[in-house]
């Protein structure tokens, strides 16, 4: 396990997670008017982009390692990778809610859901393609939702998931399902590498 942790460069996540929290506190409820295809410039909360820090950091750590040694070893390292992904993402949900209450900023309650969705999307794409495409997927998703995700009245479309209000149960369910599907592909990713 020590070799796995060293190869995965877990120390990087030890830097990224506090930076994630600090960025959420600093950005608070700040928003920017980004251009949208639907016309106008709806205000997009900047904290929507912060989960990319954790998603891309986790992708970097998962992409590191010694594939030949890991696949010939007795222990299946994908189990450690699975535990790592859950350990990094799971605390984000209560953290977002706690920050939302502490800073009196309801939009921060959705940051855990956004991280859940984007991380699941990254893991899904990583299971089907390579790490470069997996890193681009959450970034492209955020670009798409900011460009195409708003209707004419400035309300987000349901398919955007990450733009929906923090209390939207459907968005939470979709985010959890995408994350679970991404986790389910971690063992597959290990078998593909070994082949």
N, C-alpha and C. Protein backbone atom coordinates (compact mmCIF):
# COMPACT_ATOMS: atom_id res chain seq x y z
N UNK A 1 0.82 -1.20 0.00
CA UNK A 1 0.00 0.00 0.00
C UNK A 1 0.86 1.26 0.00
N UNK A 2 2.01 1.19 0.64
CA UNK A 2 2.90 2.35 0.67
C UNK A 2 3.41 2.65 -0.74
N UNK A 3 3.75 1.60 -1.49
CA UNK A 3 4.18 1.79 -2.87
C UNK A 3 3.07 2.41 -3.70
N UNK A 4 1.84 1.94 -3.50
CA UNK A 4 0.69 2.49 -4.22
C UNK A 4 0.52 3.98 -3.91
N UNK A 5 0.56 4.33 -2.62
CA UNK A 5 0.38 5.73 -2.20
C UNK A 5 1.48 6.62 -2.74
N UNK A 6 2.71 6.11 -2.76
CA UNK A 6 3.83 6.88 -3.29
C UNK A 6 3.71 7.06 -4.78
N UNK A 7 3.36 5.99 -5.48
CA UNK A 7 3.23 6.07 -6.94
C UNK A 7 2.09 6.99 -7.33
N UNK A 8 1.01 7.00 -6.58
CA UNK A 8 -0.15 7.83 -6.91
C UNK A 8 0.04 9.30 -6.55
N UNK A 9 1.11 9.61 -5.85
CA UNK A 9 1.39 10.98 -5.43
C UNK A 9 0.24 11.58 -4.62
N UNK A 10 -0.16 10.87 -3.60
CA UNK A 10 -1.30 11.31 -2.78
C UNK A 10 -1.04 12.63 -2.06
N UNK A 11 0.22 12.99 -1.91
CA UNK A 11 0.54 14.26 -1.27
C UNK A 11 -0.09 15.43 -2.04
N UNK A 12 -0.26 15.25 -3.35
CA UNK A 12 -0.85 16.31 -4.17
C UNK A 12 -2.29 16.60 -3.73
N UNK A 13 -3.05 15.54 -3.43
CA UNK A 13 -4.41 15.74 -2.95
C UNK A 13 -4.42 16.43 -1.59
N UNK A 14 -3.37 16.20 -0.82
CA UNK A 14 -3.25 16.88 0.47
C UNK A 14 -3.10 18.38 0.32
N UNK A 15 -2.63 18.82 -0.84
CA UNK A 15 -2.54 20.26 -1.13
C UNK A 15 -3.81 20.77 -1.81
N UNK A 16 -4.39 19.94 -2.67
CA UNK A 16 -5.54 20.37 -3.47
C UNK A 16 -6.80 20.53 -2.62
N UNK A 17 -7.04 19.61 -1.71
CA UNK A 17 -8.28 19.67 -0.92
C UNK A 17 -8.36 20.96 -0.09
N UNK A 18 -7.30 21.36 0.63
CA UNK A 18 -7.39 22.66 1.33
C UNK A 18 -7.53 23.84 0.36
N UNK A 19 -6.89 23.76 -0.81
CA UNK A 19 -7.04 24.82 -1.81
C UNK A 19 -8.49 24.90 -2.30
N UNK A 20 -9.14 23.74 -2.42
CA UNK A 20 -10.55 23.67 -2.81
C UNK A 20 -11.42 24.40 -1.79
N UNK A 21 -11.21 24.11 -0.51
CA UNK A 21 -11.99 24.74 0.55
C UNK A 21 -11.73 26.24 0.57
N UNK A 22 -10.47 26.64 0.47
CA UNK A 22 -10.11 28.05 0.48
C UNK A 22 -10.74 28.79 -0.70
N UNK A 23 -10.72 28.17 -1.87
CA UNK A 23 -11.33 28.80 -3.06
C UNK A 23 -12.83 28.98 -2.88
N UNK A 24 -13.49 28.00 -2.27
CA UNK A 24 -14.93 28.15 -2.03
C UNK A 24 -15.22 29.29 -1.06
N UNK A 25 -14.38 29.41 -0.03
CA UNK A 25 -14.58 30.49 0.94
C UNK A 25 -14.32 31.84 0.29
N UNK A 26 -13.27 31.94 -0.50
CA UNK A 26 -12.93 33.21 -1.14
C UNK A 26 -13.99 33.60 -2.18
N UNK A 27 -14.40 32.66 -3.00
CA UNK A 27 -15.38 32.98 -4.06
C UNK A 27 -16.77 33.22 -3.50
N UNK A 28 -17.10 32.54 -2.39
CA UNK A 28 -18.37 32.72 -1.71
C UNK A 28 -19.52 32.68 -2.72
N UNK A 29 -20.21 33.77 -2.91
CA UNK A 29 -21.38 33.81 -3.81
C UNK A 29 -21.10 34.63 -5.06
N UNK A 30 -19.84 34.86 -5.35
CA UNK A 30 -19.51 35.69 -6.51
C UNK A 30 -19.93 34.99 -7.80
N UNK A 31 -20.36 35.79 -8.73
CA UNK A 31 -20.78 35.24 -10.02
C UNK A 31 -20.25 36.12 -11.13
N UNK A 32 -20.27 35.57 -12.33
CA UNK A 32 -19.82 36.30 -13.51
C UNK A 32 -20.85 36.11 -14.60
N UNK A 33 -21.02 37.11 -15.39
CA UNK A 33 -21.93 37.02 -16.53
C UNK A 33 -21.17 36.44 -17.71
N UNK A 34 -21.48 35.22 -18.04
CA UNK A 34 -20.81 34.54 -19.14
C UNK A 34 -21.73 34.51 -20.35
N UNK A 35 -21.18 34.59 -21.54
CA UNK A 35 -22.04 34.58 -22.73
C UNK A 35 -22.79 33.25 -22.85
N UNK A 36 -24.03 33.33 -23.30
CA UNK A 36 -24.85 32.14 -23.49
C UNK A 36 -25.48 32.19 -24.87
N UNK A 37 -25.68 31.04 -25.47
CA UNK A 37 -26.28 30.95 -26.80
C UNK A 37 -27.73 31.42 -26.76
N UNK A 38 -28.40 31.21 -25.63
CA UNK A 38 -29.81 31.58 -25.52
C UNK A 38 -30.02 33.08 -25.51
N UNK A 39 -28.95 33.83 -25.48
CA UNK A 39 -29.05 35.28 -25.45
C UNK A 39 -28.86 35.79 -24.04
N UNK A 40 -28.41 36.99 -23.95
CA UNK A 40 -28.15 37.56 -22.63
C UNK A 40 -26.88 36.99 -22.03
N UNK A 41 -26.65 37.35 -20.81
CA UNK A 41 -25.48 36.86 -20.08
C UNK A 41 -25.92 36.48 -18.68
N UNK A 42 -26.45 35.26 -18.51
CA UNK A 42 -26.89 34.86 -17.18
C UNK A 42 -25.71 34.80 -16.21
N UNK A 43 -25.99 35.14 -14.97
CA UNK A 43 -24.95 35.11 -13.95
C UNK A 43 -24.65 33.67 -13.55
N UNK A 44 -23.40 33.26 -13.71
CA UNK A 44 -22.96 31.92 -13.34
C UNK A 44 -22.09 32.02 -12.09
N UNK A 45 -22.44 31.26 -11.09
CA UNK A 45 -21.69 31.28 -9.83
C UNK A 45 -20.30 30.71 -10.07
N UNK A 46 -19.27 31.42 -9.67
CA UNK A 46 -17.89 31.01 -9.93
C UNK A 46 -17.50 29.75 -9.16
N UNK A 47 -18.17 29.48 -8.05
CA UNK A 47 -17.86 28.26 -7.29
C UNK A 47 -18.18 27.00 -8.11
N UNK A 48 -18.90 27.15 -9.20
CA UNK A 48 -19.19 26.03 -10.09
C UNK A 48 -17.89 25.45 -10.67
N UNK A 49 -16.88 26.29 -10.83
CA UNK A 49 -15.62 25.86 -11.44
C UNK A 49 -14.63 25.24 -10.45
N UNK A 50 -14.81 25.51 -9.16
CA UNK A 50 -13.85 25.08 -8.15
C UNK A 50 -13.70 23.56 -8.07
N UNK A 51 -14.77 22.76 -8.20
CA UNK A 51 -14.58 21.30 -8.13
C UNK A 51 -13.61 20.74 -9.17
N UNK A 52 -13.33 21.50 -10.22
CA UNK A 52 -12.35 21.03 -11.21
C UNK A 52 -10.98 20.80 -10.57
N UNK A 53 -10.64 21.58 -9.54
CA UNK A 53 -9.38 21.37 -8.84
C UNK A 53 -9.27 19.93 -8.34
N UNK A 54 -10.31 19.48 -7.67
CA UNK A 54 -10.29 18.14 -7.07
C UNK A 54 -10.40 17.06 -8.15
N UNK A 55 -11.27 17.29 -9.12
CA UNK A 55 -11.47 16.29 -10.18
C UNK A 55 -10.17 16.05 -10.95
N UNK A 56 -9.53 17.12 -11.36
CA UNK A 56 -8.29 16.97 -12.14
C UNK A 56 -7.13 16.47 -11.28
N UNK A 57 -7.12 16.86 -9.99
CA UNK A 57 -6.11 16.32 -9.08
C UNK A 57 -6.28 14.83 -8.86
N UNK A 58 -7.52 14.40 -8.69
CA UNK A 58 -7.79 12.97 -8.53
C UNK A 58 -7.42 12.21 -9.80
N UNK A 59 -7.73 12.77 -10.95
CA UNK A 59 -7.37 12.13 -12.21
C UNK A 59 -5.85 11.97 -12.32
N UNK A 60 -5.13 13.00 -11.94
CA UNK A 60 -3.66 12.92 -11.97
C UNK A 60 -3.16 11.77 -11.10
N UNK A 61 -3.70 11.71 -9.88
CA UNK A 61 -3.27 10.65 -8.95
C UNK A 61 -3.63 9.26 -9.47
N UNK A 62 -4.83 9.12 -10.02
CA UNK A 62 -5.24 7.81 -10.55
C UNK A 62 -4.40 7.40 -11.76
N UNK A 63 -3.93 8.39 -12.51
CA UNK A 63 -3.15 8.11 -13.71
C UNK A 63 -1.70 7.77 -13.44
N UNK A 64 -1.26 8.01 -12.22
CA UNK A 64 0.12 7.70 -11.84
C UNK A 64 0.18 6.23 -11.42
N UNK A 65 1.32 5.72 -11.41
CA UNK A 65 1.46 4.35 -10.91
C UNK A 65 2.40 3.52 -11.74
N UNK A 66 2.42 2.26 -11.41
CA UNK A 66 3.29 1.30 -12.06
C UNK A 66 2.41 0.17 -12.61
N UNK A 67 1.81 0.35 -13.78
CA UNK A 67 0.81 -0.60 -14.28
C UNK A 67 1.30 -2.05 -14.34
N UNK A 68 2.51 -2.28 -14.82
CA UNK A 68 3.00 -3.66 -14.94
C UNK A 68 3.10 -4.34 -13.57
N UNK A 69 3.67 -3.62 -12.61
CA UNK A 69 3.81 -4.19 -11.28
C UNK A 69 2.46 -4.35 -10.59
N UNK A 70 1.57 -3.39 -10.79
CA UNK A 70 0.27 -3.45 -10.13
C UNK A 70 -0.58 -4.61 -10.66
N UNK A 71 -0.45 -4.92 -11.92
CA UNK A 71 -1.29 -5.97 -12.50
C UNK A 71 -0.72 -7.37 -12.29
N UNK A 72 0.54 -7.44 -11.94
CA UNK A 72 1.11 -8.76 -11.64
C UNK A 72 1.12 -9.03 -10.13
N UNK A 73 0.82 -8.02 -9.35
CA UNK A 73 0.79 -8.18 -7.90
C UNK A 73 -0.45 -8.94 -7.42
N UNK A 74 -0.38 -9.37 -6.18
CA UNK A 74 -1.49 -10.11 -5.59
C UNK A 74 -2.65 -9.17 -5.26
N UNK A 75 -2.34 -8.00 -4.74
CA UNK A 75 -3.38 -7.04 -4.37
C UNK A 75 -3.85 -6.28 -5.61
N UNK A 76 -5.13 -6.13 -5.72
CA UNK A 76 -5.71 -5.38 -6.83
C UNK A 76 -5.78 -3.91 -6.45
N UNK A 77 -4.95 -3.11 -7.07
CA UNK A 77 -4.86 -1.71 -6.70
C UNK A 77 -6.10 -0.91 -7.08
N UNK A 78 -6.93 -1.43 -7.97
CA UNK A 78 -8.14 -0.69 -8.31
C UNK A 78 -9.03 -0.53 -7.08
N UNK A 79 -8.90 -1.44 -6.11
CA UNK A 79 -9.68 -1.30 -4.87
C UNK A 79 -9.20 -0.09 -4.08
N UNK A 80 -7.90 0.12 -4.07
CA UNK A 80 -7.36 1.31 -3.41
C UNK A 80 -7.81 2.57 -4.16
N UNK A 81 -7.79 2.49 -5.49
CA UNK A 81 -8.24 3.63 -6.30
C UNK A 81 -9.70 3.95 -6.03
N UNK A 82 -10.50 2.91 -5.89
CA UNK A 82 -11.92 3.08 -5.58
C UNK A 82 -12.09 3.77 -4.22
N UNK A 83 -11.36 3.29 -3.22
CA UNK A 83 -11.42 3.90 -1.89
C UNK A 83 -10.93 5.34 -1.92
N UNK A 84 -9.91 5.61 -2.72
CA UNK A 84 -9.39 6.97 -2.84
C UNK A 84 -10.45 7.90 -3.42
N UNK A 85 -11.09 7.49 -4.50
CA UNK A 85 -12.12 8.33 -5.13
C UNK A 85 -13.26 8.63 -4.16
N UNK A 86 -13.70 7.62 -3.44
CA UNK A 86 -14.79 7.82 -2.48
C UNK A 86 -14.33 8.72 -1.34
N UNK A 87 -13.12 8.51 -0.84
CA UNK A 87 -12.60 9.30 0.28
C UNK A 87 -12.42 10.77 -0.09
N UNK A 88 -12.12 11.04 -1.35
CA UNK A 88 -11.93 12.42 -1.78
C UNK A 88 -13.27 13.11 -2.02
N UNK A 89 -14.23 12.41 -2.61
CA UNK A 89 -15.49 13.03 -3.02
C UNK A 89 -16.54 13.06 -1.91
N UNK A 90 -16.65 11.99 -1.14
CA UNK A 90 -17.73 11.89 -0.14
C UNK A 90 -17.77 13.06 0.86
N UNK A 91 -16.64 13.53 1.39
CA UNK A 91 -16.72 14.64 2.34
C UNK A 91 -17.17 15.96 1.72
N UNK A 92 -17.15 16.07 0.40
CA UNK A 92 -17.50 17.34 -0.26
C UNK A 92 -18.96 17.70 -0.05
N UNK A 93 -19.83 16.71 0.07
CA UNK A 93 -21.26 16.99 0.23
C UNK A 93 -21.53 17.67 1.58
N UNK A 94 -21.13 17.07 2.71
CA UNK A 94 -21.37 17.78 3.98
C UNK A 94 -20.55 19.06 4.10
N UNK A 95 -19.37 19.09 3.47
CA UNK A 95 -18.54 20.30 3.50
C UNK A 95 -19.25 21.45 2.80
N UNK A 96 -19.83 21.18 1.62
CA UNK A 96 -20.55 22.23 0.90
C UNK A 96 -21.73 22.75 1.70
N UNK A 97 -22.44 21.85 2.35
CA UNK A 97 -23.58 22.27 3.17
C UNK A 97 -23.12 23.08 4.38
N UNK A 98 -22.03 22.64 5.00
CA UNK A 98 -21.51 23.37 6.17
C UNK A 98 -21.04 24.77 5.78
N UNK A 99 -20.34 24.88 4.65
CA UNK A 99 -19.89 26.19 4.19
C UNK A 99 -21.07 27.08 3.83
N UNK A 100 -22.11 26.49 3.23
CA UNK A 100 -23.30 27.25 2.86
C UNK A 100 -23.95 27.86 4.10
N UNK A 101 -24.00 27.10 5.20
CA UNK A 101 -24.57 27.62 6.43
C UNK A 101 -23.65 28.64 7.10
N UNK A 102 -22.37 28.31 7.13
CA UNK A 102 -21.40 29.18 7.80
C UNK A 102 -21.30 30.54 7.12
N UNK A 103 -21.24 30.54 5.78
CA UNK A 103 -21.10 31.78 5.03
C UNK A 103 -22.44 32.37 4.62
N UNK A 104 -23.53 31.69 4.96
CA UNK A 104 -24.87 32.11 4.57
C UNK A 104 -24.95 32.30 3.04
N UNK A 105 -24.44 31.28 2.35
CA UNK A 105 -24.42 31.28 0.89
C UNK A 105 -25.02 29.98 0.40
N UNK A 106 -26.32 29.94 0.13
CA UNK A 106 -26.99 28.69 -0.25
C UNK A 106 -26.39 28.00 -1.47
N UNK A 107 -25.81 28.76 -2.40
CA UNK A 107 -25.28 28.14 -3.62
C UNK A 107 -24.11 27.20 -3.33
N UNK A 108 -23.39 27.40 -2.24
CA UNK A 108 -22.26 26.52 -1.92
C UNK A 108 -22.72 25.11 -1.56
N UNK A 109 -23.99 24.96 -1.20
CA UNK A 109 -24.51 23.64 -0.87
C UNK A 109 -24.50 22.72 -2.09
N UNK A 110 -24.47 23.31 -3.29
CA UNK A 110 -24.46 22.51 -4.52
C UNK A 110 -23.06 22.11 -4.95
N UNK A 111 -22.01 22.61 -4.30
CA UNK A 111 -20.65 22.29 -4.74
C UNK A 111 -20.32 20.81 -4.57
N UNK A 112 -20.84 20.20 -3.52
CA UNK A 112 -20.63 18.76 -3.33
C UNK A 112 -21.28 17.96 -4.45
N UNK A 113 -22.48 18.37 -4.84
CA UNK A 113 -23.18 17.70 -5.94
C UNK A 113 -22.42 17.88 -7.25
N UNK A 114 -21.90 19.08 -7.46
CA UNK A 114 -21.13 19.35 -8.68
C UNK A 114 -19.88 18.48 -8.73
N UNK A 115 -19.19 18.37 -7.58
CA UNK A 115 -18.00 17.52 -7.52
C UNK A 115 -18.37 16.07 -7.78
N UNK A 116 -19.46 15.62 -7.20
CA UNK A 116 -19.95 14.25 -7.39
C UNK A 116 -20.20 13.98 -8.87
N UNK A 117 -20.88 14.89 -9.53
CA UNK A 117 -21.21 14.71 -10.95
C UNK A 117 -19.96 14.76 -11.83
N UNK A 118 -19.14 15.80 -11.65
CA UNK A 118 -17.96 15.96 -12.51
C UNK A 118 -16.94 14.85 -12.30
N UNK A 119 -16.79 14.40 -11.07
CA UNK A 119 -15.87 13.29 -10.80
C UNK A 119 -16.41 12.00 -11.42
N UNK A 120 -17.70 11.78 -11.30
CA UNK A 120 -18.30 10.61 -11.94
C UNK A 120 -18.15 10.65 -13.44
N UNK A 121 -18.34 11.83 -14.03
CA UNK A 121 -18.16 11.98 -15.48
C UNK A 121 -16.73 11.68 -15.88
N UNK A 122 -15.77 12.20 -15.11
CA UNK A 122 -14.36 11.94 -15.39
C UNK A 122 -14.05 10.45 -15.30
N UNK A 123 -14.56 9.78 -14.27
CA UNK A 123 -14.30 8.35 -14.10
C UNK A 123 -14.96 7.53 -15.21
N UNK A 124 -16.15 7.92 -15.62
CA UNK A 124 -16.83 7.23 -16.73
C UNK A 124 -16.00 7.33 -18.01
N UNK A 125 -15.60 8.53 -18.34
CA UNK A 125 -14.82 8.73 -19.57
C UNK A 125 -13.47 8.05 -19.46
N UNK A 126 -12.87 8.10 -18.28
CA UNK A 126 -11.57 7.44 -18.08
C UNK A 126 -11.69 5.93 -18.26
N UNK A 127 -12.82 5.36 -17.86
CA UNK A 127 -13.04 3.93 -18.03
C UNK A 127 -13.24 3.52 -19.48
N UNK A 128 -13.65 4.47 -20.30
CA UNK A 128 -13.93 4.18 -21.71
C UNK A 128 -12.86 4.71 -22.66
N UNK A 129 -12.08 5.68 -22.20
CA UNK A 129 -11.06 6.30 -23.07
C UNK A 129 -9.78 6.44 -22.25
N UNK A 130 -8.98 7.44 -22.60
CA UNK A 130 -7.72 7.63 -21.86
C UNK A 130 -7.83 8.84 -20.92
N UNK A 131 -6.76 9.07 -20.18
CA UNK A 131 -6.77 10.12 -19.17
C UNK A 131 -6.89 11.52 -19.75
N UNK A 132 -6.35 11.75 -20.94
CA UNK A 132 -6.47 13.09 -21.55
C UNK A 132 -7.91 13.43 -21.85
N UNK A 133 -8.63 12.48 -22.40
CA UNK A 133 -10.05 12.71 -22.71
C UNK A 133 -10.84 12.83 -21.41
N UNK A 134 -10.48 12.03 -20.43
CA UNK A 134 -11.17 12.08 -19.13
C UNK A 134 -10.97 13.44 -18.46
N UNK A 135 -9.80 14.03 -18.61
CA UNK A 135 -9.55 15.35 -18.03
C UNK A 135 -10.31 16.45 -18.76
N UNK A 136 -10.49 16.26 -20.06
CA UNK A 136 -11.22 17.27 -20.84
C UNK A 136 -12.72 17.21 -20.60
N UNK A 137 -13.25 16.03 -20.29
CA UNK A 137 -14.71 15.84 -20.21
C UNK A 137 -15.38 16.79 -19.21
N UNK A 138 -14.92 16.90 -17.95
CA UNK A 138 -15.61 17.82 -17.04
C UNK A 138 -15.47 19.29 -17.44
N UNK A 139 -14.33 19.64 -18.03
CA UNK A 139 -14.12 21.02 -18.47
C UNK A 139 -15.08 21.33 -19.63
N UNK A 140 -15.16 20.42 -20.58
CA UNK A 140 -16.07 20.61 -21.72
C UNK A 140 -17.51 20.67 -21.24
N UNK A 141 -17.86 19.83 -20.26
CA UNK A 141 -19.23 19.86 -19.72
C UNK A 141 -19.57 21.23 -19.15
N UNK A 142 -18.65 21.80 -18.38
CA UNK A 142 -18.90 23.12 -17.79
C UNK A 142 -19.00 24.20 -18.86
N UNK A 143 -18.19 24.11 -19.89
CA UNK A 143 -18.29 25.07 -20.99
C UNK A 143 -19.64 24.94 -21.68
N UNK A 144 -20.06 23.70 -21.94
CA UNK A 144 -21.35 23.48 -22.60
C UNK A 144 -22.52 24.00 -21.77
N UNK A 145 -22.51 23.72 -20.48
CA UNK A 145 -23.64 24.16 -19.67
C UNK A 145 -23.69 25.68 -19.52
N UNK A 146 -22.54 26.32 -19.51
CA UNK A 146 -22.57 27.78 -19.42
C UNK A 146 -22.99 28.40 -20.75
N UNK A 147 -22.66 27.76 -21.86
CA UNK A 147 -23.06 28.30 -23.17
C UNK A 147 -24.50 27.95 -23.55
N UNK A 148 -24.89 26.70 -23.28
CA UNK A 148 -26.18 26.21 -23.76
C UNK A 148 -27.18 25.87 -22.66
N UNK A 149 -26.78 25.98 -21.43
CA UNK A 149 -27.58 25.46 -20.33
C UNK A 149 -28.72 26.32 -19.84
N UNK A 150 -28.80 27.55 -20.30
CA UNK A 150 -29.84 28.44 -19.81
C UNK A 150 -30.93 28.61 -20.86
N UNK A 151 -32.18 28.64 -20.38
CA UNK A 151 -33.31 28.90 -21.26
C UNK A 151 -33.45 30.40 -21.48
N UNK A 152 -34.47 30.77 -22.22
CA UNK A 152 -34.66 32.18 -22.55
C UNK A 152 -34.95 33.04 -21.32
N UNK A 153 -35.55 32.46 -20.31
CA UNK A 153 -35.85 33.22 -19.10
C UNK A 153 -34.67 33.27 -18.14
N UNK A 154 -33.56 32.66 -18.50
CA UNK A 154 -32.38 32.65 -17.64
C UNK A 154 -32.35 31.51 -16.64
N UNK A 155 -33.31 30.59 -16.73
CA UNK A 155 -33.34 29.43 -15.84
C UNK A 155 -32.58 28.29 -16.49
N UNK A 156 -31.85 27.49 -15.70
CA UNK A 156 -31.09 26.38 -16.29
C UNK A 156 -32.00 25.24 -16.75
N UNK A 157 -31.59 24.61 -17.84
CA UNK A 157 -32.29 23.43 -18.33
C UNK A 157 -32.00 22.25 -17.39
N UNK A 158 -32.94 21.31 -17.27
CA UNK A 158 -32.73 20.17 -16.36
C UNK A 158 -31.53 19.30 -16.73
N UNK A 159 -31.14 19.21 -18.00
CA UNK A 159 -30.04 18.34 -18.40
C UNK A 159 -28.69 18.85 -17.90
N UNK A 160 -28.62 20.11 -17.50
CA UNK A 160 -27.32 20.66 -17.08
C UNK A 160 -26.84 20.07 -15.76
N UNK A 161 -27.73 19.64 -14.91
CA UNK A 161 -27.48 19.05 -13.60
C UNK A 161 -26.74 20.02 -12.67
N UNK A 162 -25.55 20.48 -13.04
CA UNK A 162 -24.73 21.29 -12.14
C UNK A 162 -25.24 22.71 -11.96
N UNK A 163 -26.10 23.19 -12.85
CA UNK A 163 -26.64 24.54 -12.72
C UNK A 163 -27.92 24.60 -11.90
N UNK A 164 -28.51 23.46 -11.62
CA UNK A 164 -29.79 23.42 -10.92
C UNK A 164 -29.63 23.85 -9.46
N UNK A 165 -30.70 24.31 -8.83
CA UNK A 165 -30.61 24.77 -7.44
C UNK A 165 -30.10 23.67 -6.50
N UNK A 166 -29.49 24.06 -5.39
CA UNK A 166 -28.91 23.07 -4.47
C UNK A 166 -29.89 22.02 -3.96
N UNK A 167 -31.15 22.35 -3.84
CA UNK A 167 -32.12 21.41 -3.30
C UNK A 167 -32.79 20.52 -4.32
N UNK A 168 -32.39 20.58 -5.58
CA UNK A 168 -33.03 19.78 -6.63
C UNK A 168 -32.69 18.30 -6.45
N UNK A 169 -33.67 17.53 -6.06
CA UNK A 169 -33.44 16.11 -5.76
C UNK A 169 -33.08 15.30 -7.00
N UNK A 170 -33.67 15.66 -8.13
CA UNK A 170 -33.34 14.97 -9.38
C UNK A 170 -31.88 15.13 -9.75
N UNK A 171 -31.36 16.35 -9.56
CA UNK A 171 -29.95 16.61 -9.86
C UNK A 171 -29.04 15.82 -8.92
N UNK A 172 -29.44 15.70 -7.65
CA UNK A 172 -28.65 14.90 -6.71
C UNK A 172 -28.66 13.43 -7.11
N UNK A 173 -29.82 12.95 -7.53
CA UNK A 173 -29.93 11.54 -7.93
C UNK A 173 -29.09 11.25 -9.16
N UNK A 174 -29.14 12.14 -10.14
CA UNK A 174 -28.35 11.96 -11.36
C UNK A 174 -26.86 12.00 -11.02
N UNK A 175 -26.45 12.95 -10.18
CA UNK A 175 -25.04 13.08 -9.81
C UNK A 175 -24.55 11.82 -9.11
N UNK A 176 -25.35 11.30 -8.18
CA UNK A 176 -24.97 10.08 -7.48
C UNK A 176 -24.89 8.89 -8.43
N UNK A 177 -25.81 8.82 -9.39
CA UNK A 177 -25.81 7.72 -10.37
C UNK A 177 -24.59 7.80 -11.28
N UNK A 178 -24.23 9.00 -11.71
CA UNK A 178 -23.05 9.17 -12.58
C UNK A 178 -21.79 8.80 -11.81
N UNK A 179 -21.71 9.21 -10.55
CA UNK A 179 -20.54 8.86 -9.74
C UNK A 179 -20.44 7.36 -9.53
N UNK A 180 -21.57 6.72 -9.22
CA UNK A 180 -21.57 5.26 -9.02
C UNK A 180 -21.17 4.54 -10.30
N UNK A 181 -21.65 5.02 -11.45
CA UNK A 181 -21.29 4.39 -12.72
C UNK A 181 -19.79 4.56 -12.99
N UNK A 182 -19.25 5.73 -12.65
CA UNK A 182 -17.82 5.95 -12.82
C UNK A 182 -16.99 5.04 -11.93
N UNK A 183 -17.44 4.87 -10.69
CA UNK A 183 -16.75 3.97 -9.77
C UNK A 183 -16.80 2.53 -10.29
N UNK A 184 -17.92 2.16 -10.89
CA UNK A 184 -18.07 0.79 -11.40
C UNK A 184 -17.08 0.50 -12.52
N UNK A 185 -16.60 1.53 -13.21
CA UNK A 185 -15.65 1.32 -14.31
C UNK A 185 -14.19 1.27 -13.85
N UNK A 186 -13.92 1.58 -12.58
CA UNK A 186 -12.53 1.51 -12.11
C UNK A 186 -11.93 0.12 -12.25
N UNK A 187 -12.63 -0.95 -11.89
CA UNK A 187 -12.05 -2.30 -12.09
C UNK A 187 -11.83 -2.60 -13.57
N UNK A 188 -12.73 -2.13 -14.42
CA UNK A 188 -12.59 -2.35 -15.87
C UNK A 188 -11.33 -1.67 -16.39
N UNK A 189 -11.08 -0.48 -15.88
CA UNK A 189 -9.89 0.27 -16.29
C UNK A 189 -8.63 -0.52 -15.95
N UNK A 190 -8.63 -1.19 -14.81
CA UNK A 190 -7.49 -2.01 -14.41
C UNK A 190 -7.28 -3.18 -15.33
N UNK A 191 -8.36 -3.82 -15.76
CA UNK A 191 -8.24 -4.97 -16.67
C UNK A 191 -7.81 -4.53 -18.06
N UNK A 192 -8.28 -3.35 -18.51
CA UNK A 192 -7.89 -2.87 -19.83
C UNK A 192 -6.40 -2.59 -19.86
N UNK A 193 -5.87 -2.00 -18.80
CA UNK A 193 -4.44 -1.70 -18.75
C UNK A 193 -3.59 -2.95 -18.78
N UNK A 194 -4.09 -4.00 -18.17
CA UNK A 194 -3.28 -5.19 -18.07
C UNK A 194 -3.26 -5.97 -19.35
N UNK A 195 -4.17 -5.68 -20.30
CA UNK A 195 -4.28 -6.45 -21.53
C UNK A 195 -3.40 -6.03 -22.61
